[in-house]
Amino acid sequence: EKRKKKYHENRDQILKERKEKYANDPKLREKSREYSLRRIYGVELEDYNLMLEKQNGKCAICGSTSSNSTRTKHYCVDHDHKSKKVRSLLCHKCNFAIGYSNDSIDVLKNAIKYLEHHEK
């Protein structure tokens, strides 16, 4: 109870210090990334690196050698939201395109038809 009270009284300062530590500690960032890969996707860092190597360091859809993100240099781990099965590594733009289409092949086919119809 005391700890909760102290946290709430000093929350802004504590969060500021944590943010600074994360920004200035590459080992902490790497550890956090490894933990997230394992927890969210069940992927170890070496699995991620092997996937990236097999993809020649490129997005599996557009072939970009950039993550296309202002936040991180790392690619997104694309996965099926129903089965949770990991598919490939995608740049952020392609990952958003797949996500915003709700992984729907029909929606993506309709998007292609739409673009072809309006092509100049």
Protein backbone atom coordinates (compact mmCIF):
# COMPACT_ATOMS: atom_id res chain seq x y z
CA GLU A 1 0.00 0.00 0.00
CA LYS A 2 2.85 2.38 0.88
CA ARG A 3 4.62 1.54 -2.37
CA LYS A 4 1.49 2.30 -4.42
CA LYS A 5 1.03 5.62 -2.67
CA LYS A 6 4.67 6.58 -3.19
CA TYR A 7 4.43 5.62 -6.88
CA HIS A 8 1.32 7.74 -7.43
CA GLU A 9 2.87 10.70 -5.63
CA ASN A 10 6.04 10.49 -7.77
CA ARG A 11 4.61 8.93 -10.94
CA ASP A 12 5.76 11.60 -13.40
CA GLN A 13 9.32 11.60 -12.10
CA ILE A 14 9.50 7.79 -12.02
CA LEU A 15 8.22 7.50 -15.60
CA LYS A 16 10.66 10.19 -16.76
CA GLU A 17 13.58 8.31 -15.17
CA ARG A 18 12.48 5.00 -16.70
CA LYS A 19 12.17 6.59 -20.13
CA GLU A 20 15.64 8.13 -19.87
CA LYS A 21 17.15 4.85 -18.71
CA TYR A 22 15.52 2.96 -21.60
CA ALA A 23 16.70 5.57 -24.11
CA ASN A 24 20.29 5.49 -22.85
CA ASP A 25 20.74 1.79 -22.16
CA PRO A 26 21.06 -0.35 -25.32
CA LYS A 27 21.29 -3.55 -23.25
CA LEU A 28 17.97 -2.77 -21.58
CA ARG A 29 16.33 -2.07 -24.95
CA GLU A 30 17.67 -5.35 -26.38
CA LYS A 31 16.53 -7.31 -23.33
CA SER A 32 13.08 -5.74 -23.58
CA ARG A 33 12.90 -6.59 -27.28
CA GLU A 34 13.93 -10.21 -26.66
CA TYR A 35 11.31 -10.52 -23.94
CA SER A 36 8.58 -9.07 -26.19
CA LEU A 37 9.46 -11.35 -29.11
CA ARG A 38 9.28 -14.38 -26.84
CA ARG A 39 6.15 -13.34 -24.93
CA ILE A 40 4.05 -12.05 -27.82
CA TYR A 41 5.12 -14.28 -30.71
CA GLY A 42 6.97 -17.19 -29.12
CA VAL A 43 10.03 -16.25 -31.19
CA GLU A 44 13.58 -16.18 -29.85
CA LEU A 45 15.92 -13.44 -31.06
CA GLU A 46 18.00 -15.97 -33.00
CA ASP A 47 14.79 -17.18 -34.74
CA TYR A 48 14.02 -13.58 -35.72
CA ASN A 49 17.55 -13.09 -37.04
CA LEU A 50 17.36 -16.35 -39.00
CA MET A 51 14.04 -15.27 -40.56
CA LEU A 52 15.57 -11.94 -41.53
CA GLU A 53 18.59 -13.69 -43.04
CA LYS A 54 16.33 -16.03 -45.09
CA GLN A 55 14.47 -12.93 -46.33
CA ASN A 56 17.80 -11.34 -47.32
CA GLY A 57 17.18 -8.49 -44.86
CA LYS A 58 14.03 -7.41 -46.71
CA CYS A 59 10.30 -7.11 -46.12
CA ALA A 60 8.56 -10.30 -47.29
CA ILE A 61 5.98 -8.28 -49.27
CA CYS A 62 7.53 -5.12 -50.75
CA GLY A 63 11.20 -6.07 -50.52
CA SER A 64 12.14 -2.91 -48.63
CA THR A 65 15.47 -3.02 -46.80
CA SER A 66 14.05 -0.52 -44.31
CA SER A 67 11.55 -1.12 -41.53
CA ASN A 68 9.71 2.00 -42.79
CA SER A 69 9.24 3.13 -39.21
CA THR A 70 10.35 6.27 -37.43
CA ARG A 71 10.29 4.41 -34.09
CA THR A 72 12.42 1.33 -34.77
CA LYS A 73 14.79 -0.21 -37.26
CA HIS A 74 13.29 -3.66 -36.67
CA TYR A 75 10.75 -5.36 -38.89
CA CYS A 76 7.33 -6.44 -37.62
CA VAL A 77 6.74 -10.10 -36.88
CA ASP A 78 3.65 -10.83 -38.98
CA HIS A 79 1.36 -13.51 -37.62
CA ASP A 80 -2.09 -14.96 -38.17
CA HIS A 81 -4.32 -13.42 -35.52
CA LYS A 82 -6.53 -16.50 -35.32
CA SER A 83 -3.95 -19.29 -35.17
CA LYS A 84 -1.14 -17.08 -33.75
CA LYS A 85 1.22 -18.72 -36.27
CA VAL A 86 4.17 -16.53 -37.26
CA ARG A 87 4.33 -15.93 -41.02
CA SER A 88 7.23 -13.61 -41.94
CA LEU A 89 8.86 -10.28 -41.20
CA LEU A 90 7.27 -7.22 -42.74
CA CYS A 91 8.06 -3.53 -42.85
CA HIS A 92 5.64 -1.39 -40.89
CA LYS A 93 3.78 -0.16 -43.97
CA CYS A 94 3.08 -3.68 -45.24
CA ASN A 95 2.21 -4.88 -41.75
CA PHE A 96 -0.35 -2.08 -41.38
CA ALA A 97 -1.80 -2.83 -44.83
CA ILE A 98 -2.32 -6.47 -43.89
CA GLY A 99 -3.67 -5.54 -40.46
CA TYR A 100 -6.07 -2.85 -41.66
CA SER A 101 -7.46 -5.30 -44.22
CA ASN A 102 -8.20 -7.69 -41.31
CA ASP A 103 -6.01 -10.33 -43.02
CA SER A 104 -8.76 -10.59 -45.64
CA ILE A 105 -7.72 -11.87 -49.06
CA ASP A 106 -11.01 -10.57 -50.51
CA VAL A 107 -10.39 -7.05 -49.21
CA LEU A 108 -6.87 -7.05 -50.65
CA LYS A 109 -8.12 -8.39 -54.02
CA ASN A 110 -10.72 -5.62 -54.08
CA ALA A 111 -8.00 -3.08 -53.32
CA ILE A 112 -5.99 -4.38 -56.30
CA LYS A 113 -9.06 -4.16 -58.57
CA TYR A 114 -9.69 -0.63 -57.31
CA LEU A 115 -6.13 0.47 -58.05
CA GLU A 116 -6.18 -1.16 -61.49
CA HIS A 117 -9.49 0.54 -62.29
CA HIS A 118 -8.09 3.96 -61.35
CA GLU A 119 -4.68 3.44 -62.93
CA LYS A 120 -3.72 6.13 -65.43
